Amino acid sequence: MHEAQCVAAGVLERVAAGRNLDNELTVAWQQLPREAADQPANQRALVQDLCYGVLRHRGTIDAVLTPLLARPLRDENVRQLLRVALYQLLHTKAAPHAVVDHAVRACVALPAVAAKGLVNGVLRNFLRRKAEMQALAASPVAGDEARYSFPAWWINKIRAQYPACFDELLLAGNRHAPLTLRINKRRVTREMYLARLAAEGIAATALESHAIVLDKPVPVQRLPGFDEGLVSVQDASAQRAALLLDAQDGMRVLDACAAPG
């Protein structure tokens, strides 16, 4: 675990300096130690989850971290490592003692050996005061950035544009999106693919005419026929947009938001 924590902390430091997250994650895969080569998918998934998790919940994490520090941190690597560990303690099922132990070990690889005592003390102090810290982060005193984990300028923008439902929108923005698949109707029917998923022990529900939502996300490598093009990953809202457009033969359609691939 400490290898992934260390790599994630480095990625987050570079993102905080203005680098692109996707690009930095691509570079990060090359930094994973050779002994992790037997489980590259698991290691990559963990690093990605740590990075996305910290960025998604950074407002709350910082609201918890700040009162645990006796003085402001100067080492950005250590700050990101603490954010990674606190994300794990707050939002994952990782064993708390393992998170703390591995975070201390990660200090050696950062390198930030002198910070081992600080990291150990901050994280153990958090575990002793976890309920108190969580209540503090959720209280009005902590502010909107702690509650919503978005920067203030974005919170103010959403509040101004959607005053009746800004709270719901901001909270929804930090939820994990479900894994939604688009059926390639030229290759398979929705019912046939649902049967293939069931045979693999993957629970799913039909949505719209060619959409399927998985009850729990799985790596795409586990999806039957994914490499053969039977299905692709596409958000339900994007699929619905195409249905609402109702394009007919002979029409010319401009997709102004088409991403690569």
C-alpha atoms as a PDB file:
ATOM      1  CA  MET A   1       0.000   0.000   0.000  1.00  0.00           C
ATOM      2  CA  HIS A   2       2.775   2.456   0.832  1.00  0.00           C
ATOM      3  CA  GLU A   3       4.025   2.347  -2.783  1.00  0.00           C
ATOM      4  CA  ALA A   4       0.607   3.464  -4.034  1.00  0.00           C
ATOM      5  CA  GLN A   5       0.363   6.133  -1.329  1.00  0.00           C
ATOM      6  CA  CYS A   6       3.756   7.484  -2.321  1.00  0.00           C
ATOM      7  CA  VAL A   7       2.972   7.527  -6.049  1.00  0.00           C
ATOM      8  CA  ALA A   8      -0.415   9.160  -5.417  1.00  0.00           C
ATOM      9  CA  ALA A   9       1.161  11.852  -3.242  1.00  0.00           C
ATOM     10  CA  GLY A  10       3.591  12.676  -6.036  1.00  0.00           C
ATOM     11  CA  VAL A  11       0.814  12.860  -8.617  1.00  0.00           C
ATOM     12  CA  LEU A  12      -1.266  15.126  -6.387  1.00  0.00           C
ATOM     13  CA  GLU A  13       1.683  17.431  -5.761  1.00  0.00           C
ATOM     14  CA  ARG A  14       2.191  17.902  -9.498  1.00  0.00           C
ATOM     15  CA  VAL A  15      -1.542  18.414 -10.073  1.00  0.00           C
ATOM     16  CA  ALA A  16      -1.553  21.079  -7.342  1.00  0.00           C
ATOM     17  CA  ALA A  17       1.226  22.803  -9.282  1.00  0.00           C
ATOM     18  CA  GLY A  18      -0.990  22.944 -12.366  1.00  0.00           C
ATOM     19  CA  ARG A  19      -0.280  19.678 -14.188  1.00  0.00           C
ATOM     20  CA  ASN A  20      -2.953  17.535 -15.855  1.00  0.00           C
ATOM     21  CA  LEU A  21      -4.205  14.637 -13.712  1.00  0.00           C
ATOM     22  CA  ASP A  22      -4.634  12.138 -16.561  1.00  0.00           C
ATOM     23  CA  ASN A  23      -1.156  12.862 -17.894  1.00  0.00           C
ATOM     24  CA  GLU A  24       0.394  12.540 -14.449  1.00  0.00           C
ATOM     25  CA  LEU A  25      -1.374   9.230 -13.814  1.00  0.00           C
ATOM     26  CA  THR A  26       0.005   7.890 -17.086  1.00  0.00           C
ATOM     27  CA  VAL A  27       3.509   8.832 -15.969  1.00  0.00           C
ATOM     28  CA  ALA A  28       2.841   7.375 -12.513  1.00  0.00           C
ATOM     29  CA  TRP A  29       2.259   3.843 -13.829  1.00  0.00           C
ATOM     30  CA  GLN A  30       5.929   3.786 -14.801  1.00  0.00           C
ATOM     31  CA  GLN A  31       6.898   4.548 -11.198  1.00  0.00           C
ATOM     32  CA  LEU A  32       5.231   1.506  -9.663  1.00  0.00           C
ATOM     33  CA  PRO A  33       7.895  -0.828  -8.227  1.00  0.00           C
ATOM     34  CA  ARG A  34       8.856  -4.004 -10.036  1.00  0.00           C
ATOM     35  CA  GLU A  35       7.525  -6.195  -7.229  1.00  0.00           C
ATOM     36  CA  ALA A  36       4.026  -4.852  -8.020  1.00  0.00           C
ATOM     37  CA  ALA A  37       4.265  -6.098 -11.609  1.00  0.00           C
ATOM     38  CA  ASP A  38       2.219  -9.212 -10.817  1.00  0.00           C
ATOM     39  CA  GLN A  39      -0.833  -7.103  -9.970  1.00  0.00           C
ATOM     40  CA  PRO A  40      -0.540  -3.993 -12.155  1.00  0.00           C
ATOM     41  CA  ALA A  41      -4.297  -3.548 -12.539  1.00  0.00           C
ATOM     42  CA  ASN A  42      -4.844  -3.572  -8.767  1.00  0.00           C
ATOM     43  CA  GLN A  43      -1.989  -1.154  -8.158  1.00  0.00           C
ATOM     44  CA  ARG A  44      -3.158   1.206 -10.874  1.00  0.00           C
ATOM     45  CA  ALA A  45      -6.714   1.097  -9.590  1.00  0.00           C
ATOM     46  CA  LEU A  46      -5.530   1.930  -6.074  1.00  0.00           C
ATOM     47  CA  VAL A  47      -3.369   4.865  -7.194  1.00  0.00           C
ATOM     48  CA  GLN A  48      -6.203   6.208  -9.330  1.00  0.00           C
ATOM     49  CA  ASP A  49      -8.720   5.859  -6.511  1.00  0.00           C
ATOM     50  CA  LEU A  50      -6.410   7.667  -4.085  1.00  0.00           C
ATOM     51  CA  CYS A  51      -5.865  10.565  -6.482  1.00  0.00           C
ATOM     52  CA  TYR A  52      -9.496  10.949  -7.481  1.00  0.00           C
ATOM     53  CA  GLY A  53     -10.636  10.466  -3.897  1.00  0.00           C
ATOM     54  CA  VAL A  54      -8.378  13.180  -2.488  1.00  0.00           C
ATOM     55  CA  LEU A  55      -9.376  15.649  -5.199  1.00  0.00           C
ATOM     56  CA  ARG A  56     -13.065  14.822  -4.786  1.00  0.00           C
ATOM     57  CA  HIS A  57     -13.020  15.245  -1.005  1.00  0.00           C
ATOM     58  CA  ARG A  58     -10.168  17.700  -0.524  1.00  0.00           C
ATOM     59  CA  GLY A  59     -12.309  20.362   1.139  1.00  0.00           C
ATOM     60  CA  THR A  60     -13.420  17.955   3.842  1.00  0.00           C
ATOM     61  CA  ILE A  61      -9.971  16.417   4.178  1.00  0.00           C
ATOM     62  CA  ASP A  62      -8.309  19.805   4.671  1.00  0.00           C
ATOM     63  CA  ALA A  63     -10.942  20.820   7.211  1.00  0.00           C
ATOM     64  CA  VAL A  64      -9.918  17.753   9.217  1.00  0.00           C
ATOM     65  CA  LEU A  65      -6.179  18.083   8.627  1.00  0.00           C
ATOM     66  CA  THR A  66      -5.705  21.734   9.577  1.00  0.00           C
ATOM     67  CA  PRO A  67      -6.667  21.471  13.275  1.00  0.00           C
ATOM     68  CA  LEU A  68      -4.473  18.368  13.636  1.00  0.00           C
ATOM     69  CA  LEU A  69      -1.337  20.336  12.731  1.00  0.00           C
ATOM     70  CA  ALA A  70       0.540  22.295  15.388  1.00  0.00           C
ATOM     71  CA  ARG A  71       2.016  24.549  12.675  1.00  0.00           C
ATOM     72  CA  PRO A  72       1.536  24.984   8.903  1.00  0.00           C
ATOM     73  CA  LEU A  73       3.191  22.356   6.721  1.00  0.00           C
ATOM     74  CA  ARG A  74       5.988  23.490   4.444  1.00  0.00           C
ATOM     75  CA  ASP A  75       6.650  20.174   2.690  1.00  0.00           C
ATOM     76  CA  GLU A  76       4.037  19.745  -0.048  1.00  0.00           C
ATOM     77  CA  ASN A  77       4.900  16.048  -0.432  1.00  0.00           C
ATOM     78  CA  VAL A  78       4.046  15.414   3.210  1.00  0.00           C
ATOM     79  CA  ARG A  79       0.813  17.403   2.904  1.00  0.00           C
ATOM     80  CA  GLN A  80      -0.308  15.274  -0.038  1.00  0.00           C
ATOM     81  CA  LEU A  81       0.652  12.050   1.766  1.00  0.00           C
ATOM     82  CA  LEU A  82      -1.442  13.085   4.769  1.00  0.00           C
ATOM     83  CA  ARG A  83      -4.339  13.915   2.457  1.00  0.00           C
ATOM     84  CA  VAL A  84      -4.049  10.475   0.859  1.00  0.00           C
ATOM     85  CA  ALA A  85      -4.025   8.698   4.227  1.00  0.00           C
ATOM     86  CA  LEU A  86      -6.911  10.771   5.588  1.00  0.00           C
ATOM     87  CA  TYR A  87      -8.950  10.007   2.477  1.00  0.00           C
ATOM     88  CA  GLN A  88      -8.394   6.315   3.154  1.00  0.00           C
ATOM     89  CA  LEU A  89      -9.358   6.677   6.817  1.00  0.00           C
ATOM     90  CA  LEU A  90     -12.458   8.731   6.029  1.00  0.00           C
ATOM     91  CA  HIS A  91     -13.794   7.197   2.834  1.00  0.00           C
ATOM     92  CA  THR A  92     -12.448   3.663   2.322  1.00  0.00           C
ATOM     93  CA  LYS A  93     -12.606   0.317   4.099  1.00  0.00           C
ATOM     94  CA  ALA A  94      -8.819   0.016   4.414  1.00  0.00           C
ATOM     95  CA  ALA A  95      -7.709  -1.100   7.871  1.00  0.00           C
ATOM     96  CA  PRO A  96      -6.820   2.047   9.864  1.00  0.00           C
ATOM     97  CA  HIS A  97      -3.664   0.567  11.400  1.00  0.00           C
ATOM     98  CA  ALA A  98      -2.436  -0.473   7.943  1.00  0.00           C
ATOM     99  CA  VAL A  99      -3.098   2.988   6.498  1.00  0.00           C
ATOM    100  CA  VAL A 100      -1.085   4.642   9.261  1.00  0.00           C
ATOM    101  CA  ASP A 101       1.751   2.122   9.150  1.00  0.00           C
ATOM    102  CA  HIS A 102       2.111   2.335   5.380  1.00  0.00           C
ATOM    103  CA  ALA A 103       1.915   6.145   5.372  1.00  0.00           C
ATOM    104  CA  VAL A 104       4.845   6.229   7.794  1.00  0.00           C
ATOM    105  CA  ARG A 105       6.747   3.820   5.548  1.00  0.00           C
ATOM    106  CA  ALA A 106       5.923   6.010   2.526  1.00  0.00           C
ATOM    107  CA  CYS A 107       7.858   8.864   4.126  1.00  0.00           C
ATOM    108  CA  VAL A 108      11.075   7.009   3.346  1.00  0.00           C
ATOM    109  CA  ALA A 109      10.262   6.765  -0.356  1.00  0.00           C
ATOM    110  CA  LEU A 110       9.052  10.366  -0.808  1.00  0.00           C
ATOM    111  CA  PRO A 111      11.764  11.051   0.573  1.00  0.00           C
ATOM    112  CA  ALA A 112      10.700  12.711   3.812  1.00  0.00           C
ATOM    113  CA  VAL A 113      12.208  10.529   6.528  1.00  0.00           C
ATOM    114  CA  ALA A 114      12.184  13.389   9.017  1.00  0.00           C
ATOM    115  CA  ALA A 115       8.393  13.564   8.737  1.00  0.00           C
ATOM    116  CA  LYS A 116       7.750   9.988   9.927  1.00  0.00           C
ATOM    117  CA  GLY A 117       6.969  11.110  13.478  1.00  0.00           C
ATOM    118  CA  LEU A 118       4.706  13.914  12.236  1.00  0.00           C
ATOM    119  CA  VAL A 119       2.753  11.641   9.904  1.00  0.00           C
ATOM    120  CA  ASN A 120       2.374   8.973  12.571  1.00  0.00           C
ATOM    121  CA  GLY A 121       1.276  11.509  15.204  1.00  0.00           C
ATOM    122  CA  VAL A 122      -1.226  13.332  12.980  1.00  0.00           C
ATOM    123  CA  LEU A 123      -2.909  10.153  11.744  1.00  0.00           C
ATOM    124  CA  ARG A 124      -3.093   8.501  15.168  1.00  0.00           C
ATOM    125  CA  ASN A 125      -4.453  11.722  16.645  1.00  0.00           C
ATOM    126  CA  PHE A 126      -7.122  11.709  13.951  1.00  0.00           C
ATOM    127  CA  LEU A 127      -8.116   8.130  14.774  1.00  0.00           C
ATOM    128  CA  ARG A 128      -8.482   9.023  18.448  1.00  0.00           C
ATOM    129  CA  ARG A 129     -10.628  12.048  17.569  1.00  0.00           C
ATOM    130  CA  LYS A 130     -12.308  10.732  14.408  1.00  0.00           C
ATOM    131  CA  ALA A 131     -15.911  11.419  15.469  1.00  0.00           C
ATOM    132  CA  GLU A 132     -14.994  14.890  16.698  1.00  0.00           C
ATOM    133  CA  MET A 133     -13.101  15.709  13.489  1.00  0.00           C
ATOM    134  CA  GLN A 134     -15.919  14.497  11.245  1.00  0.00           C
ATOM    135  CA  ALA A 135     -18.451  16.556  13.183  1.00  0.00           C
ATOM    136  CA  LEU A 136     -16.203  19.600  12.882  1.00  0.00           C
ATOM    137  CA  ALA A 137     -15.848  19.198   9.108  1.00  0.00           C
ATOM    138  CA  ALA A 138     -19.641  18.905   8.727  1.00  0.00           C
ATOM    139  CA  SER A 139     -20.423  21.914  10.910  1.00  0.00           C
ATOM    140  CA  PRO A 140     -21.202  25.387   9.485  1.00  0.00           C
ATOM    141  CA  VAL A 141     -18.057  26.651  11.208  1.00  0.00           C
ATOM    142  CA  ALA A 142     -15.903  24.678   8.761  1.00  0.00           C
ATOM    143  CA  GLY A 143     -17.385  26.574   5.822  1.00  0.00           C
ATOM    144  CA  ASP A 144     -18.812  25.661   2.430  1.00  0.00           C
ATOM    145  CA  GLU A 145     -15.551  24.309   0.995  1.00  0.00           C
ATOM    146  CA  ALA A 146     -15.427  21.683   3.746  1.00  0.00           C
ATOM    147  CA  ARG A 147     -19.090  20.751   3.319  1.00  0.00           C
ATOM    148  CA  TYR A 148     -19.120  20.511  -0.474  1.00  0.00           C
ATOM    149  CA  SER A 149     -15.436  19.866  -1.320  1.00  0.00           C
ATOM    150  CA  PHE A 150     -15.531  22.352  -4.174  1.00  0.00           C
ATOM    151  CA  PRO A 151     -13.606  25.646  -4.456  1.00  0.00           C
ATOM    152  CA  ALA A 152     -15.477  28.700  -3.213  1.00  0.00           C
ATOM    153  CA  TRP A 153     -15.791  30.290  -6.660  1.00  0.00           C
ATOM    154  CA  TRP A 154     -17.599  27.206  -8.006  1.00  0.00           C
ATOM    155  CA  ILE A 155     -19.887  26.944  -4.976  1.00  0.00           C
ATOM    156  CA  ASN A 156     -20.853  30.608  -5.363  1.00  0.00           C
ATOM    157  CA  LYS A 157     -21.468  30.160  -9.081  1.00  0.00           C
ATOM    158  CA  ILE A 158     -23.772  27.162  -8.603  1.00  0.00           C
ATOM    159  CA  ARG A 159     -25.577  28.876  -5.725  1.00  0.00           C
ATOM    160  CA  ALA A 160     -26.208  31.962  -7.890  1.00  0.00           C
ATOM    161  CA  GLN A 161     -27.377  30.020 -10.943  1.00  0.00           C
ATOM    162  CA  TYR A 162     -29.454  27.350  -9.172  1.00  0.00           C
ATOM    163  CA  PRO A 163     -30.582  28.881  -5.869  1.00  0.00           C
ATOM    164  CA  ALA A 164     -33.407  26.383  -5.360  1.00  0.00           C
ATOM    165  CA  CYS A 165     -31.295  23.224  -5.661  1.00  0.00           C
ATOM    166  CA  PHE A 166     -27.627  24.251  -5.411  1.00  0.00           C
ATOM    167  CA  ASP A 167     -27.128  22.110  -2.291  1.00  0.00           C
ATOM    168  CA  GLU A 168     -28.367  18.953  -4.008  1.00  0.00           C
ATOM    169  CA  LEU A 169     -26.284  19.656  -7.122  1.00  0.00           C
ATOM    170  CA  LEU A 170     -23.062  20.186  -5.193  1.00  0.00           C
ATOM    171  CA  LEU A 171     -23.519  17.086  -3.043  1.00  0.00           C
ATOM    172  CA  ALA A 172     -24.374  14.979  -6.100  1.00  0.00           C
ATOM    173  CA  GLY A 173     -21.225  16.200  -7.831  1.00  0.00           C
ATOM    174  CA  ASN A 174     -19.050  14.267  -5.382  1.00  0.00           C
ATOM    175  CA  ARG A 175     -20.834  10.947  -5.637  1.00  0.00           C
ATOM    176  CA  HIS A 176     -19.304   8.093  -7.614  1.00  0.00           C
ATOM    177  CA  ALA A 177     -21.036   7.761 -10.965  1.00  0.00           C
ATOM    178  CA  PRO A 178     -22.390   4.286 -11.795  1.00  0.00           C
ATOM    179  CA  LEU A 179     -20.733   2.267 -14.541  1.00  0.00           C
ATOM    180  CA  THR A 180     -23.072   2.462 -17.525  1.00  0.00           C
ATOM    181  CA  LEU A 181     -22.609   0.474 -20.721  1.00  0.00           C
ATOM    182  CA  ARG A 182     -23.856   1.105 -24.224  1.00  0.00           C
ATOM    183  CA  ILE A 183     -24.864  -1.989 -26.172  1.00  0.00           C
ATOM    184  CA  ASN A 184     -23.575  -2.368 -29.718  1.00  0.00           C
ATOM    185  CA  LYS A 185     -26.923  -3.306 -31.253  1.00  0.00           C
ATOM    186  CA  ARG A 186     -25.213  -4.467 -34.430  1.00  0.00           C
ATOM    187  CA  ARG A 187     -23.511  -7.225 -32.449  1.00  0.00           C
ATOM    188  CA  VAL A 188     -25.765  -8.143 -29.541  1.00  0.00           C
ATOM    189  CA  THR A 189     -29.164  -7.402 -27.997  1.00  0.00           C
ATOM    190  CA  ARG A 190     -29.584  -5.936 -24.544  1.00  0.00           C
ATOM    191  CA  GLU A 191     -31.252  -9.090 -23.253  1.00  0.00           C
ATOM    192  CA  MET A 192     -28.462 -11.292 -24.619  1.00  0.00           C
ATOM    193  CA  TYR A 193     -25.812  -9.165 -22.961  1.00  0.00           C
ATOM    194  CA  LEU A 194     -27.654  -9.071 -19.661  1.00  0.00           C
ATOM    195  CA  ALA A 195     -27.634 -12.873 -19.768  1.00  0.00           C
ATOM    196  CA  ARG A 196     -23.879 -12.896 -20.408  1.00  0.00           C
ATOM    197  CA  LEU A 197     -23.320 -10.568 -17.449  1.00  0.00           C
ATOM    198  CA  ALA A 198     -25.462 -12.793 -15.237  1.00  0.00           C
ATOM    199  CA  ALA A 199     -23.416 -15.828 -16.303  1.00  0.00           C
ATOM    200  CA  GLU A 200     -20.276 -13.966 -15.124  1.00  0.00           C
ATOM    201  CA  GLY A 201     -21.905 -13.083 -11.807  1.00  0.00           C
ATOM    202  CA  ILE A 202     -22.161  -9.379 -12.655  1.00  0.00           C
ATOM    203  CA  ALA A 203     -25.472  -7.856 -11.548  1.00  0.00           C
ATOM    204  CA  ALA A 204     -26.892  -5.199 -13.857  1.00  0.00           C
ATOM    205  CA  THR A 205     -30.116  -3.386 -14.762  1.00  0.00           C
ATOM    206  CA  ALA A 206     -31.490  -2.343 -18.152  1.00  0.00           C
ATOM    207  CA  LEU A 207     -31.901   1.377 -18.780  1.00  0.00           C
ATOM    208  CA  GLU A 208     -33.305   3.093 -21.879  1.00  0.00           C
ATOM    209  CA  SER A 209     -33.109   1.173 -25.154  1.00  0.00           C
ATOM    210  CA  HIS A 210     -29.451   0.166 -25.215  1.00  0.00           C
ATOM    211  CA  ALA A 211     -28.089   1.134 -21.820  1.00  0.00           C
ATOM    212  CA  ILE A 212     -27.147  -1.175 -18.959  1.00  0.00           C
ATOM    213  CA  VAL A 213     -26.145   0.012 -15.481  1.00  0.00           C
ATOM    214  CA  LEU A 214     -23.966  -2.244 -13.371  1.00  0.00           C
ATOM    215  CA  ASP A 215     -24.974  -2.605  -9.733  1.00  0.00           C
ATOM    216  CA  LYS A 216     -21.274  -2.401  -8.814  1.00  0.00           C
ATOM    217  CA  PRO A 217     -18.476  -1.177 -11.096  1.00  0.00           C
ATOM    218  CA  VAL A 218     -15.970  -3.763 -12.315  1.00  0.00           C
ATOM    219  CA  PRO A 219     -12.772  -3.432 -14.378  1.00  0.00           C
ATOM    220  CA  VAL A 220     -13.638  -3.371 -18.078  1.00  0.00           C
ATOM    221  CA  GLN A 221     -11.409  -6.427 -18.520  1.00  0.00           C
ATOM    222  CA  ARG A 222     -14.091  -8.410 -16.663  1.00  0.00           C
ATOM    223  CA  LEU A 223     -16.854  -7.366 -19.033  1.00  0.00           C
ATOM    224  CA  PRO A 224     -17.673 -10.211 -21.446  1.00  0.00           C
ATOM    225  CA  GLY A 225     -17.079  -9.211 -25.036  1.00  0.00           C
ATOM    226  CA  PHE A 226     -15.689  -5.777 -24.186  1.00  0.00           C
ATOM    227  CA  ASP A 227     -12.530  -6.289 -26.249  1.00  0.00           C
ATOM    228  CA  GLU A 228     -14.671  -7.522 -29.165  1.00  0.00           C
ATOM    229  CA  GLY A 229     -16.746  -4.342 -29.124  1.00  0.00           C
ATOM    230  CA  LEU A 230     -20.019  -5.777 -27.821  1.00  0.00           C
ATOM    231  CA  VAL A 231     -20.320  -2.890 -25.378  1.00  0.00           C
ATOM    232  CA  SER A 232     -18.616   0.399 -24.586  1.00  0.00           C
ATOM    233  CA  VAL A 233     -18.619   2.571 -21.489  1.00  0.00           C
ATOM    234  CA  GLN A 234     -20.857   5.609 -21.935  1.00  0.00           C
ATOM    235  CA  ASP A 235     -22.704   7.701 -19.375  1.00  0.00           C
ATOM    236  CA  ALA A 236     -26.487   7.366 -19.381  1.00  0.00           C
ATOM    237  CA  SER A 237     -26.967  11.105 -19.950  1.00  0.00           C
ATOM    238  CA  ALA A 238     -24.857  10.965 -23.116  1.00  0.00           C
ATOM    239  CA  GLN A 239     -26.886   8.039 -24.400  1.00  0.00           C
ATOM    240  CA  ARG A 240     -30.134   9.836 -23.653  1.00  0.00           C
ATOM    241  CA  ALA A 241     -28.948  12.941 -25.507  1.00  0.00           C
ATOM    242  CA  ALA A 242     -28.563  10.905 -28.678  1.00  0.00           C
ATOM    243  CA  LEU A 243     -32.097   9.523 -28.303  1.00  0.00           C
ATOM    244  CA  LEU A 244     -33.560  12.977 -27.724  1.00  0.00           C
ATOM    245  CA  LEU A 245     -31.787  14.285 -30.824  1.00  0.00           C
ATOM    246  CA  ASP A 246     -33.608  11.661 -32.885  1.00  0.00           C
ATOM    247  CA  ALA A 247     -31.258  12.000 -35.845  1.00  0.00           C
ATOM    248  CA  GLN A 248     -32.647  10.569 -39.083  1.00  0.00           C
ATOM    249  CA  ASP A 249     -31.022   9.294 -42.264  1.00  0.00           C
ATOM    250  CA  GLY A 250     -29.704  12.167 -44.337  1.00  0.00           C
ATOM    251  CA  MET A 251     -29.259  14.577 -41.441  1.00  0.00           C
ATOM    252  CA  ARG A 252     -25.870  16.156 -40.724  1.00  0.00           C
ATOM    253  CA  VAL A 253     -25.068  16.366 -37.003  1.00  0.00           C
ATOM    254  CA  LEU A 254     -22.320  18.425 -35.399  1.00  0.00           C
ATOM    255  CA  ASP A 255     -21.025  16.961 -32.104  1.00  0.00           C
ATOM    256  CA  ALA A 256     -19.409  20.036 -30.558  1.00  0.00           C
ATOM    257  CA  CYS A 257     -18.300  18.147 -27.430  1.00  0.00           C
ATOM    258  CA  ALA A 258     -16.766  15.012 -28.942  1.00  0.00           C
ATOM    259  CA  ALA A 259     -13.850  13.714 -26.908  1.00  0.00           C
ATOM    260  CA  PRO A 260     -10.964  11.726 -28.407  1.00  0.00           C
ATOM    261  CA  GLY A 261     -12.181   8.200 -28.961  1.00  0.00           C
END
